[in-house]
Amino acid sequence: MIIGHIDKNEKKIKFQLDLNCTKCGKKVPGGLQASENYYGSQLFKIEIDNFKKNYLCGICRDKKRTKNKKSSL
């Protein structure tokens, strides 16, 4: 997954985060990418904190999505 905006010729940095689903607590892979200029900036740190607080694993995300589809019908 890419965090922030990466321009066409800009270098990418790949990094790992220790991620857990915020709903069920399941550990999930945390392989992410960011641009070299964006990595480590204040905005980057804020975005990563928000990402960790709101991250759902695939199972919980699918449950939430199907629940929303049923309620809209």
C-alpha atoms as a PDB file:
ATOM      1  CA  MET A   1       0.000   0.000   0.000  1.00  0.00           C
ATOM      2  CA  ILE A   2       1.221   3.503  -0.783  1.00  0.00           C
ATOM      3  CA  ILE A   3       1.061   6.274   1.811  1.00  0.00           C
ATOM      4  CA  GLY A   4       1.036   9.848   0.486  1.00  0.00           C
ATOM      5  CA  HIS A   5       1.689  10.907  -3.105  1.00  0.00           C
ATOM      6  CA  ILE A   6       4.615   9.563  -5.151  1.00  0.00           C
ATOM      7  CA  ASP A   7       5.606  11.465  -8.294  1.00  0.00           C
ATOM      8  CA  LYS A   8       6.571   9.563 -11.441  1.00  0.00           C
ATOM      9  CA  ASN A   9      10.382   9.824 -11.079  1.00  0.00           C
ATOM     10  CA  GLU A  10      10.544  10.033  -7.293  1.00  0.00           C
ATOM     11  CA  LYS A  11      12.321   7.380  -5.241  1.00  0.00           C
ATOM     12  CA  LYS A  12      10.168   5.080  -3.108  1.00  0.00           C
ATOM     13  CA  ILE A  13      10.970   3.816   0.363  1.00  0.00           C
ATOM     14  CA  LYS A  14       9.533   0.465   1.416  1.00  0.00           C
ATOM     15  CA  PHE A  15       8.967  -0.082   5.125  1.00  0.00           C
ATOM     16  CA  GLN A  16       7.162  -2.412   7.519  1.00  0.00           C
ATOM     17  CA  LEU A  17       4.660  -1.436  10.214  1.00  0.00           C
ATOM     18  CA  ASP A  18       3.499  -3.519  13.124  1.00  0.00           C
ATOM     19  CA  LEU A  19      -0.245  -3.526  12.326  1.00  0.00           C
ATOM     20  CA  ASN A  20      -3.190  -5.077  14.126  1.00  0.00           C
ATOM     21  CA  CYS A  21      -6.854  -4.909  13.165  1.00  0.00           C
ATOM     22  CA  THR A  22      -8.581  -2.323  15.352  1.00  0.00           C
ATOM     23  CA  LYS A  23     -11.729  -4.463  15.569  1.00  0.00           C
ATOM     24  CA  CYS A  24     -10.581  -8.061  16.108  1.00  0.00           C
ATOM     25  CA  GLY A  25      -6.906  -7.499  17.026  1.00  0.00           C
ATOM     26  CA  LYS A  26      -5.591  -9.883  14.365  1.00  0.00           C
ATOM     27  CA  LYS A  27      -1.985  -9.219  13.279  1.00  0.00           C
ATOM     28  CA  VAL A  28      -1.757  -8.266   9.604  1.00  0.00           C
ATOM     29  CA  PRO A  29       1.169  -7.685   7.205  1.00  0.00           C
ATOM     30  CA  GLY A  30       2.307  -4.073   7.224  1.00  0.00           C
ATOM     31  CA  GLY A  31       4.310  -3.617   4.025  1.00  0.00           C
ATOM     32  CA  LEU A  32       3.950   0.004   2.903  1.00  0.00           C
ATOM     33  CA  GLN A  33       5.619   2.480   0.537  1.00  0.00           C
ATOM     34  CA  ALA A  34       6.148   6.232   0.673  1.00  0.00           C
ATOM     35  CA  SER A  35       8.149   8.754  -1.311  1.00  0.00           C
ATOM     36  CA  GLU A  36      11.630   9.590  -0.077  1.00  0.00           C
ATOM     37  CA  ASN A  37      10.656  13.226   0.586  1.00  0.00           C
ATOM     38  CA  TYR A  38       7.402  12.378   2.386  1.00  0.00           C
ATOM     39  CA  TYR A  39       8.852   9.613   4.597  1.00  0.00           C
ATOM     40  CA  GLY A  40       9.573  10.943   8.081  1.00  0.00           C
ATOM     41  CA  SER A  41       7.786  14.281   7.621  1.00  0.00           C
ATOM     42  CA  GLN A  42       5.255  15.553  10.170  1.00  0.00           C
ATOM     43  CA  LEU A  43       2.335  14.862   7.787  1.00  0.00           C
ATOM     44  CA  PHE A  44       3.639  11.326   7.265  1.00  0.00           C
ATOM     45  CA  LYS A  45       3.680  10.684  11.030  1.00  0.00           C
ATOM     46  CA  ILE A  46       0.115  11.998  11.422  1.00  0.00           C
ATOM     47  CA  GLU A  47      -1.126   9.862   8.510  1.00  0.00           C
ATOM     48  CA  ILE A  48       0.548   6.714   9.899  1.00  0.00           C
ATOM     49  CA  ASP A  49      -0.991   7.304  13.350  1.00  0.00           C
ATOM     50  CA  ASN A  50      -4.465   7.693  11.820  1.00  0.00           C
ATOM     51  CA  PHE A  51      -3.892   4.644   9.610  1.00  0.00           C
ATOM     52  CA  LYS A  52      -3.020   2.485  12.644  1.00  0.00           C
ATOM     53  CA  LYS A  53      -6.063   3.734  14.596  1.00  0.00           C
ATOM     54  CA  ASN A  54      -8.526   2.959  11.777  1.00  0.00           C
ATOM     55  CA  TYR A  55      -7.055  -0.154  10.127  1.00  0.00           C
ATOM     56  CA  LEU A  56      -9.373  -3.130   9.588  1.00  0.00           C
ATOM     57  CA  CYS A  57      -8.227  -6.565   8.432  1.00  0.00           C
ATOM     58  CA  GLY A  58      -9.782  -7.946   5.249  1.00  0.00           C
ATOM     59  CA  ILE A  59     -12.341 -10.045   7.136  1.00  0.00           C
ATOM     60  CA  CYS A  60     -13.618  -7.172   9.303  1.00  0.00           C
ATOM     61  CA  ARG A  61     -13.597  -4.803   6.312  1.00  0.00           C
ATOM     62  CA  ASP A  62     -15.703  -7.262   4.272  1.00  0.00           C
ATOM     63  CA  LYS A  63     -18.160  -7.742   7.147  1.00  0.00           C
ATOM     64  CA  LYS A  64     -18.564  -3.969   7.441  1.00  0.00           C
ATOM     65  CA  ARG A  65     -19.020  -3.574   3.686  1.00  0.00           C
ATOM     66  CA  THR A  66     -21.631  -6.338   3.368  1.00  0.00           C
ATOM     67  CA  LYS A  67     -23.478  -5.008   6.406  1.00  0.00           C
ATOM     68  CA  ASN A  68     -23.694  -1.558   4.758  1.00  0.00           C
ATOM     69  CA  LYS A  69     -24.972  -3.070   1.486  1.00  0.00           C
ATOM     70  CA  LYS A  70     -27.741  -4.993   3.284  1.00  0.00           C
ATOM     71  CA  SER A  71     -28.887  -1.917   5.215  1.00  0.00           C
ATOM     72  CA  SER A  72     -29.093   0.166   2.026  1.00  0.00           C
ATOM     73  CA  LEU A  73     -31.405  -2.377   0.316  1.00  0.00           C
END
